[in-house]
Amino acid sequence: MRVTGSLPMHDWRLAVSTAQRLEVAGYDGIMSQDGAHEPFGPLIAAALVTERVALQTGIVVAFPRSPMVTAMHAWDLHSNSGGRFQLGLGSQVRGHNERRFSVSWSAPAPRMREYIEALRAIWRSWEQREKLRFEDKHYHFDLLSPNFAPRPTGLPPVPITLAAVGPGMLRLAGRVADGVRLHGFGTRCCSLLQGSTVLDEAGPVSWSAVEESS
C-alpha cells in the first residue's frame, strides 16, 4: 500500500512546509487538486524542497486544457523533479465543462482516449526528436518548431492515471493509462468489485482505493 497526502492549494508557502513534513513522515506521494486553484503551482513549489515523494495531480480536468498545454506542465514538472511527477487526469461532468469552463461536451471516454494518445505523441516527439504528427477527431498537432520543443530528459515517460466512476472509464484506464483513481464516493460493491472486473477484462493496471471505516 502507498500513502499519499494532499497539499493545501491556497497558499504555496504552506504547501512547501506541508510537502517537507509529509516526506519526512514517510509518505509515498503528495497530491494536488484542480478545484478553486490550479493544480500545478503547489507541486512546482513542492518539487524544489523534496527529494523522494511522488508528485501527483489528483486530478487535472483535461478537456478545458489543450493536450499541448498539459504536456508542457507535466514535462517540466517531471524533468525538474527527477522523474517524480504523475499526471492524474479526469473528464469532470458535463455541467462543469460547458458552464464553468465554456468548452463543448462530447462522449468523455473516446475523447479521453484521444487526449492521452495526444499527450504521449507530444512527449515522444520531444524525447526522441521526431516529427510531431497526431490527428484524430478532437485534436490535431503537426507543428513543432525546434525553439518550442524542450530538450530530451532521458527519463521514463510521465505516468498517467485516470479518474473513473463508471465501467467505460475503468475499461479505458486498463487499456491506455498506467493507473486508475476511483471516486471517493464509490461504495465497495459498486466501485471496487466492479472496478476489478472491468480492469481484469482490459489487462493489468495499477489501481488503488481508500476505504473509509464506517
C-alpha atoms as a PDB file:
ATOM      1  CA  MET A   1       0.000   0.000   0.000  1.00  0.00           C
ATOM      2  CA  ARG A   2       1.169   3.513  -0.808  1.00  0.00           C
ATOM      3  CA  VAL A   3       0.119   6.517   1.251  1.00  0.00           C
ATOM      4  CA  THR A   4      -0.434   9.917  -0.352  1.00  0.00           C
ATOM      5  CA  GLY A   5      -1.120  13.219   1.384  1.00  0.00           C
ATOM      6  CA  SER A   6      -2.891  16.276  -0.012  1.00  0.00           C
ATOM      7  CA  LEU A   7      -1.260  19.673  -0.331  1.00  0.00           C
ATOM      8  CA  PRO A   8      -3.001  22.909   0.676  1.00  0.00           C
ATOM      9  CA  MET A   9      -3.855  24.664  -2.573  1.00  0.00           C
ATOM     10  CA  HIS A  10      -4.467  28.246  -1.447  1.00  0.00           C
ATOM     11  CA  ASP A  11      -1.008  29.014  -0.050  1.00  0.00           C
ATOM     12  CA  TRP A  12       2.185  27.871  -1.803  1.00  0.00           C
ATOM     13  CA  ARG A  13       4.352  28.623   1.251  1.00  0.00           C
ATOM     14  CA  LEU A  14       2.133  26.354   3.305  1.00  0.00           C
ATOM     15  CA  ALA A  15       2.310  23.774   0.505  1.00  0.00           C
ATOM     16  CA  VAL A  16       6.114  23.840   0.782  1.00  0.00           C
ATOM     17  CA  SER A  17       6.148  23.191   4.526  1.00  0.00           C
ATOM     18  CA  THR A  18       3.450  20.526   4.176  1.00  0.00           C
ATOM     19  CA  ALA A  19       5.398  18.731   1.439  1.00  0.00           C
ATOM     20  CA  GLN A  20       8.528  18.696   3.569  1.00  0.00           C
ATOM     21  CA  ARG A  21       6.623  17.405   6.590  1.00  0.00           C
ATOM     22  CA  LEU A  22       4.919  14.626   4.609  1.00  0.00           C
ATOM     23  CA  GLU A  23       8.199  13.464   3.071  1.00  0.00           C
ATOM     24  CA  VAL A  24       9.910  13.326   6.471  1.00  0.00           C
ATOM     25  CA  ALA A  25       6.909  11.408   7.843  1.00  0.00           C
ATOM     26  CA  GLY A  26       7.417   8.728   5.201  1.00  0.00           C
ATOM     27  CA  TYR A  27       4.546   9.438   2.825  1.00  0.00           C
ATOM     28  CA  ASP A  28       4.944   7.947  -0.651  1.00  0.00           C
ATOM     29  CA  GLY A  29       3.355  10.828  -2.532  1.00  0.00           C
ATOM     30  CA  ILE A  30       1.856  14.288  -2.321  1.00  0.00           C
ATOM     31  CA  MET A  31      -1.165  15.330  -4.326  1.00  0.00           C
ATOM     32  CA  SER A  32      -2.796  18.498  -5.622  1.00  0.00           C
ATOM     33  CA  GLN A  33      -6.375  19.066  -6.752  1.00  0.00           C
ATOM     34  CA  ASP A  34      -7.956  21.027  -9.591  1.00  0.00           C
ATOM     35  CA  GLY A  35     -10.661  22.914  -7.720  1.00  0.00           C
ATOM     36  CA  ALA A  36     -10.657  26.506  -6.535  1.00  0.00           C
ATOM     37  CA  HIS A  37      -6.976  26.785  -7.525  1.00  0.00           C
ATOM     38  CA  GLU A  38      -4.957  25.459 -10.438  1.00  0.00           C
ATOM     39  CA  PRO A  39      -3.208  22.159  -9.659  1.00  0.00           C
ATOM     40  CA  PHE A  40       0.364  22.621 -10.874  1.00  0.00           C
ATOM     41  CA  GLY A  41       1.700  25.543  -8.831  1.00  0.00           C
ATOM     42  CA  PRO A  42       1.843  23.888  -5.391  1.00  0.00           C
ATOM     43  CA  LEU A  43       3.552  20.834  -6.921  1.00  0.00           C
ATOM     44  CA  ILE A  44       6.171  23.049  -8.552  1.00  0.00           C
ATOM     45  CA  ALA A  45       6.920  24.575  -5.155  1.00  0.00           C
ATOM     46  CA  ALA A  46       6.960  21.147  -3.517  1.00  0.00           C
ATOM     47  CA  ALA A  47       9.294  19.709  -6.143  1.00  0.00           C
ATOM     48  CA  LEU A  48      12.012  22.162  -5.140  1.00  0.00           C
ATOM     49  CA  VAL A  49      12.031  21.169  -1.458  1.00  0.00           C
ATOM     50  CA  THR A  50      11.568  17.380  -1.661  1.00  0.00           C
ATOM     51  CA  GLU A  51      13.736  14.575  -2.979  1.00  0.00           C
ATOM     52  CA  ARG A  52      11.771  11.322  -2.800  1.00  0.00           C
ATOM     53  CA  VAL A  53       7.969  11.649  -2.764  1.00  0.00           C
ATOM     54  CA  ALA A  54       5.909  11.279  -5.924  1.00  0.00           C
ATOM     55  CA  LEU A  55       4.225  14.458  -7.114  1.00  0.00           C
ATOM     56  CA  GLN A  56       0.676  13.778  -8.266  1.00  0.00           C
ATOM     57  CA  THR A  57      -2.280  15.677  -9.661  1.00  0.00           C
ATOM     58  CA  GLY A  58      -5.478  14.181  -8.372  1.00  0.00           C
ATOM     59  CA  ILE A  59      -6.781  15.318 -10.800  1.00  0.00           C
ATOM     60  CA  VAL A  60      -6.281  17.753 -13.676  1.00  0.00           C
ATOM     61  CA  VAL A  61      -9.540  18.463 -15.517  1.00  0.00           C
ATOM     62  CA  ALA A  62      -8.484  17.550 -19.020  1.00  0.00           C
ATOM     63  CA  PHE A  63     -10.827  18.961 -21.637  1.00  0.00           C
ATOM     64  CA  PRO A  64     -10.593  22.688 -20.803  1.00  0.00           C
ATOM     65  CA  ARG A  65      -6.824  22.413 -21.428  1.00  0.00           C
ATOM     66  CA  SER A  66      -5.211  21.642 -24.762  1.00  0.00           C
ATOM     67  CA  PRO A  67      -3.124  18.462 -24.597  1.00  0.00           C
ATOM     68  CA  MET A  68      -0.158  20.609 -25.617  1.00  0.00           C
ATOM     69  CA  VAL A  69      -0.579  22.848 -22.559  1.00  0.00           C
ATOM     70  CA  THR A  70      -0.961  19.874 -20.225  1.00  0.00           C
ATOM     71  CA  ALA A  71       2.010  18.163 -21.868  1.00  0.00           C
ATOM     72  CA  MET A  72       4.220  21.192 -21.169  1.00  0.00           C
ATOM     73  CA  HIS A  73       3.213  21.431 -17.499  1.00  0.00           C
ATOM     74  CA  ALA A  74       3.755  17.702 -16.991  1.00  0.00           C
ATOM     75  CA  TRP A  75       7.071  17.658 -18.857  1.00  0.00           C
ATOM     76  CA  ASP A  76       8.573  20.483 -16.824  1.00  0.00           C
ATOM     77  CA  LEU A  77       7.407  19.045 -13.503  1.00  0.00           C
ATOM     78  CA  HIS A  78       8.711  15.601 -14.419  1.00  0.00           C
ATOM     79  CA  SER A  79      12.055  16.945 -15.625  1.00  0.00           C
ATOM     80  CA  ASN A  80      12.690  19.280 -12.704  1.00  0.00           C
ATOM     81  CA  SER A  81      11.699  16.699 -10.089  1.00  0.00           C
ATOM     82  CA  GLY A  82      13.957  13.969 -11.453  1.00  0.00           C
ATOM     83  CA  GLY A  83      11.086  11.918 -12.849  1.00  0.00           C
ATOM     84  CA  ARG A  84       8.752  12.034  -9.830  1.00  0.00           C
ATOM     85  CA  PHE A  85       5.675  13.550 -11.462  1.00  0.00           C
ATOM     86  CA  GLN A  86       2.499  11.502 -12.053  1.00  0.00           C
ATOM     87  CA  LEU A  87      -0.268  13.064 -14.145  1.00  0.00           C
ATOM     88  CA  GLY A  88      -3.771  12.307 -12.901  1.00  0.00           C
ATOM     89  CA  LEU A  89      -6.445  13.207 -15.453  1.00  0.00           C
ATOM     90  CA  GLY A  90     -10.223  13.382 -15.260  1.00  0.00           C
ATOM     91  CA  SER A  91     -13.072  14.447 -17.507  1.00  0.00           C
ATOM     92  CA  GLN A  92     -15.288  16.209 -14.921  1.00  0.00           C
ATOM     93  CA  VAL A  93     -19.021  16.239 -15.641  1.00  0.00           C
ATOM     94  CA  ARG A  94     -20.844  17.904 -18.489  1.00  0.00           C
ATOM     95  CA  GLY A  95     -22.145  20.844 -16.454  1.00  0.00           C
ATOM     96  CA  HIS A  96     -18.693  21.948 -15.311  1.00  0.00           C
ATOM     97  CA  ASN A  97     -17.225  21.604 -18.798  1.00  0.00           C
ATOM     98  CA  GLU A  98     -19.962  23.581 -20.516  1.00  0.00           C
ATOM     99  CA  ARG A  99     -20.961  26.100 -17.836  1.00  0.00           C
ATOM    100  CA  ARG A 100     -17.808  26.625 -15.741  1.00  0.00           C
ATOM    101  CA  PHE A 101     -15.123  26.174 -18.395  1.00  0.00           C
ATOM    102  CA  SER A 102     -17.200  27.040 -21.506  1.00  0.00           C
ATOM    103  CA  VAL A 103     -15.935  24.081 -23.528  1.00  0.00           C
ATOM    104  CA  SER A 104     -18.008  21.799 -25.715  1.00  0.00           C
ATOM    105  CA  TRP A 105     -19.045  18.397 -24.397  1.00  0.00           C
ATOM    106  CA  SER A 106     -18.823  15.050 -26.141  1.00  0.00           C
ATOM    107  CA  ALA A 107     -18.659  11.408 -25.093  1.00  0.00           C
ATOM    108  CA  PRO A 108     -15.894  11.539 -22.455  1.00  0.00           C
ATOM    109  CA  ALA A 109     -14.276   8.108 -22.786  1.00  0.00           C
ATOM    110  CA  PRO A 110     -13.438   8.305 -26.532  1.00  0.00           C
ATOM    111  CA  ARG A 111     -12.259  11.875 -26.113  1.00  0.00           C
ATOM    112  CA  MET A 112     -10.093  10.958 -23.125  1.00  0.00           C
ATOM    113  CA  ARG A 113      -8.503   8.119 -25.086  1.00  0.00           C
ATOM    114  CA  GLU A 114      -7.592  10.609 -27.780  1.00  0.00           C
ATOM    115  CA  TYR A 115      -6.331  13.112 -25.181  1.00  0.00           C
ATOM    116  CA  ILE A 116      -3.962  10.567 -23.629  1.00  0.00           C
ATOM    117  CA  GLU A 117      -2.725   9.386 -27.017  1.00  0.00           C
ATOM    118  CA  ALA A 118      -2.064  13.012 -27.997  1.00  0.00           C
ATOM    119  CA  LEU A 119      -0.073  13.617 -24.804  1.00  0.00           C
ATOM    120  CA  ARG A 120       2.113  10.618 -25.486  1.00  0.00           C
ATOM    121  CA  ALA A 121       2.643  11.623 -29.102  1.00  0.00           C
ATOM    122  CA  ILE A 122       3.788  15.080 -27.979  1.00  0.00           C
ATOM    123  CA  TRP A 123       6.123  13.707 -25.304  1.00  0.00           C
ATOM    124  CA  ARG A 124       7.552  11.164 -27.746  1.00  0.00           C
ATOM    125  CA  SER A 125       8.292  13.876 -30.287  1.00  0.00           C
ATOM    126  CA  TRP A 126      10.152  15.884 -27.639  1.00  0.00           C
ATOM    127  CA  GLU A 127      12.107  12.995 -26.185  1.00  0.00           C
ATOM    128  CA  GLN A 128      13.003  11.296 -29.463  1.00  0.00           C
ATOM    129  CA  ARG A 129      13.294  14.464 -31.561  1.00  0.00           C
ATOM    130  CA  GLU A 130      10.853  13.083 -34.104  1.00  0.00           C
ATOM    131  CA  LYS A 131       8.292  14.946 -36.195  1.00  0.00           C
ATOM    132  CA  LEU A 132       5.046  15.610 -34.378  1.00  0.00           C
ATOM    133  CA  ARG A 133       2.036  14.334 -36.267  1.00  0.00           C
ATOM    134  CA  PHE A 134      -1.163  13.463 -34.443  1.00  0.00           C
ATOM    135  CA  GLU A 135      -4.634  13.674 -35.905  1.00  0.00           C
ATOM    136  CA  ASP A 136      -7.942  12.389 -34.602  1.00  0.00           C
ATOM    137  CA  LYS A 137     -11.495  13.621 -34.135  1.00  0.00           C
ATOM    138  CA  HIS A 138     -10.869  16.261 -31.462  1.00  0.00           C
ATOM    139  CA  TYR A 139      -7.142  17.037 -31.613  1.00  0.00           C
ATOM    140  CA  HIS A 140      -4.687  17.743 -34.397  1.00  0.00           C
ATOM    141  CA  PHE A 141      -0.983  18.511 -33.888  1.00  0.00           C
ATOM    142  CA  ASP A 142       1.598  18.807 -36.664  1.00  0.00           C
ATOM    143  CA  LEU A 143       3.599  21.958 -35.893  1.00  0.00           C
ATOM    144  CA  LEU A 144       6.593  21.826 -33.577  1.00  0.00           C
ATOM    145  CA  SER A 145       9.349  24.306 -34.342  1.00  0.00           C
ATOM    146  CA  PRO A 146      12.713  23.491 -32.727  1.00  0.00           C
ATOM    147  CA  ASN A 147      12.607  26.511 -30.424  1.00  0.00           C
ATOM    148  CA  PHE A 148       9.269  25.309 -28.997  1.00  0.00           C
ATOM    149  CA  ALA A 149      10.438  21.770 -28.234  1.00  0.00           C
ATOM    150  CA  PRO A 150      12.076  21.180 -24.838  1.00  0.00           C
ATOM    151  CA  ARG A 151      15.284  19.212 -24.555  1.00  0.00           C
ATOM    152  CA  PRO A 152      15.075  15.424 -24.075  1.00  0.00           C
ATOM    153  CA  THR A 153      15.193  14.426 -20.419  1.00  0.00           C
ATOM    154  CA  GLY A 154      16.419  10.831 -20.585  1.00  0.00           C
ATOM    155  CA  LEU A 155      13.701   9.981 -18.050  1.00  0.00           C
ATOM    156  CA  PRO A 156      10.933   7.376 -18.313  1.00  0.00           C
ATOM    157  CA  PRO A 157       7.651   8.780 -19.667  1.00  0.00           C
ATOM    158  CA  VAL A 158       5.277  10.599 -17.353  1.00  0.00           C
ATOM    159  CA  PRO A 159       2.879   8.036 -15.804  1.00  0.00           C
ATOM    160  CA  ILE A 160      -0.801   8.784 -16.417  1.00  0.00           C
ATOM    161  CA  THR A 161      -3.580   7.817 -14.027  1.00  0.00           C
ATOM    162  CA  LEU A 162      -7.224   8.226 -14.973  1.00  0.00           C
ATOM    163  CA  ALA A 163     -10.177   9.154 -12.772  1.00  0.00           C
ATOM    164  CA  ALA A 164     -13.009   6.680 -13.302  1.00  0.00           C
ATOM    165  CA  VAL A 165     -16.518   6.261 -11.949  1.00  0.00           C
ATOM    166  CA  GLY A 166     -18.277   4.033 -14.488  1.00  0.00           C
ATOM    167  CA  PRO A 167     -17.273   0.968 -16.485  1.00  0.00           C
ATOM    168  CA  GLY A 168     -16.370   2.959 -19.614  1.00  0.00           C
ATOM    169  CA  MET A 169     -13.610   4.968 -17.963  1.00  0.00           C
ATOM    170  CA  LEU A 170     -12.446   1.940 -15.982  1.00  0.00           C
ATOM    171  CA  ARG A 171     -12.007  -0.042 -19.197  1.00  0.00           C
ATOM    172  CA  LEU A 172     -10.234   2.898 -20.786  1.00  0.00           C
ATOM    173  CA  ALA A 173      -7.853   3.145 -17.825  1.00  0.00           C
ATOM    174  CA  GLY A 174      -6.994  -0.523 -18.267  1.00  0.00           C
ATOM    175  CA  ARG A 175      -6.286  -0.006 -21.943  1.00  0.00           C
ATOM    176  CA  VAL A 176      -4.388   3.271 -22.124  1.00  0.00           C
ATOM    177  CA  ALA A 177      -3.434   4.520 -18.636  1.00  0.00           C
ATOM    178  CA  ASP A 178      -0.857   3.495 -16.058  1.00  0.00           C
ATOM    179  CA  GLY A 179      -3.316   3.579 -13.157  1.00  0.00           C
ATOM    180  CA  VAL A 180      -6.856   4.463 -12.125  1.00  0.00           C
ATOM    181  CA  ARG A 181      -8.237   6.796  -9.476  1.00  0.00           C
ATOM    182  CA  LEU A 182     -11.567   5.646  -8.083  1.00  0.00           C
ATOM    183  CA  HIS A 183     -14.072   8.250  -6.933  1.00  0.00           C
ATOM    184  CA  GLY A 184     -14.134   8.875  -3.202  1.00  0.00           C
ATOM    185  CA  PHE A 185     -17.926   8.452  -3.132  1.00  0.00           C
ATOM    186  CA  GLY A 186     -17.863   4.949  -4.595  1.00  0.00           C
ATOM    187  CA  THR A 187     -19.094   2.054  -2.471  1.00  0.00           C
ATOM    188  CA  ARG A 188     -17.146  -1.167  -2.082  1.00  0.00           C
ATOM    189  CA  CYS A 189     -19.553  -3.294  -4.107  1.00  0.00           C
ATOM    190  CA  CYS A 190     -20.224  -0.743  -6.825  1.00  0.00           C
ATOM    191  CA  SER A 191     -16.718   0.682  -7.265  1.00  0.00           C
ATOM    192  CA  LEU A 192     -14.090  -1.745  -6.022  1.00  0.00           C
ATOM    193  CA  LEU A 193     -15.590  -5.022  -7.227  1.00  0.00           C
ATOM    194  CA  GLN A 194     -16.904  -3.597 -10.463  1.00  0.00           C
ATOM    195  CA  GLY A 195     -13.561  -1.888 -10.992  1.00  0.00           C
ATOM    196  CA  SER A 196     -11.610  -5.087 -10.580  1.00  0.00           C
ATOM    197  CA  THR A 197     -13.873  -6.860 -13.083  1.00  0.00           C
ATOM    198  CA  VAL A 198     -13.607  -4.347 -15.894  1.00  0.00           C
ATOM    199  CA  LEU A 199      -9.888  -3.814 -15.342  1.00  0.00           C
ATOM    200  CA  ASP A 200      -9.250  -7.554 -15.415  1.00  0.00           C
ATOM    201  CA  GLU A 201     -11.002  -7.611 -18.782  1.00  0.00           C
ATOM    202  CA  ALA A 202      -8.742  -4.847 -20.083  1.00  0.00           C
ATOM    203  CA  GLY A 203      -5.475  -6.170 -18.672  1.00  0.00           C
ATOM    204  CA  PRO A 204      -3.147  -5.410 -15.761  1.00  0.00           C
ATOM    205  CA  VAL A 205      -3.144  -1.880 -14.396  1.00  0.00           C
ATOM    206  CA  SER A 206      -2.112  -0.186 -11.181  1.00  0.00           C
ATOM    207  CA  TRP A 207      -5.120   0.886  -9.126  1.00  0.00           C
ATOM    208  CA  SER A 208      -5.958   1.702  -5.563  1.00  0.00           C
ATOM    209  CA  ALA A 209      -8.764   2.997  -3.392  1.00  0.00           C
ATOM    210  CA  VAL A 210      -9.164   4.341   0.106  1.00  0.00           C
ATOM    211  CA  GLU A 211     -11.890   2.671   2.117  1.00  0.00           C
ATOM    212  CA  GLU A 212     -13.260   4.729   4.988  1.00  0.00           C
ATOM    213  CA  SER A 213     -14.303   2.961   8.158  1.00  0.00           C
ATOM    214  CA  SER A 214     -17.992   3.075   8.935  1.00  0.00           C
END
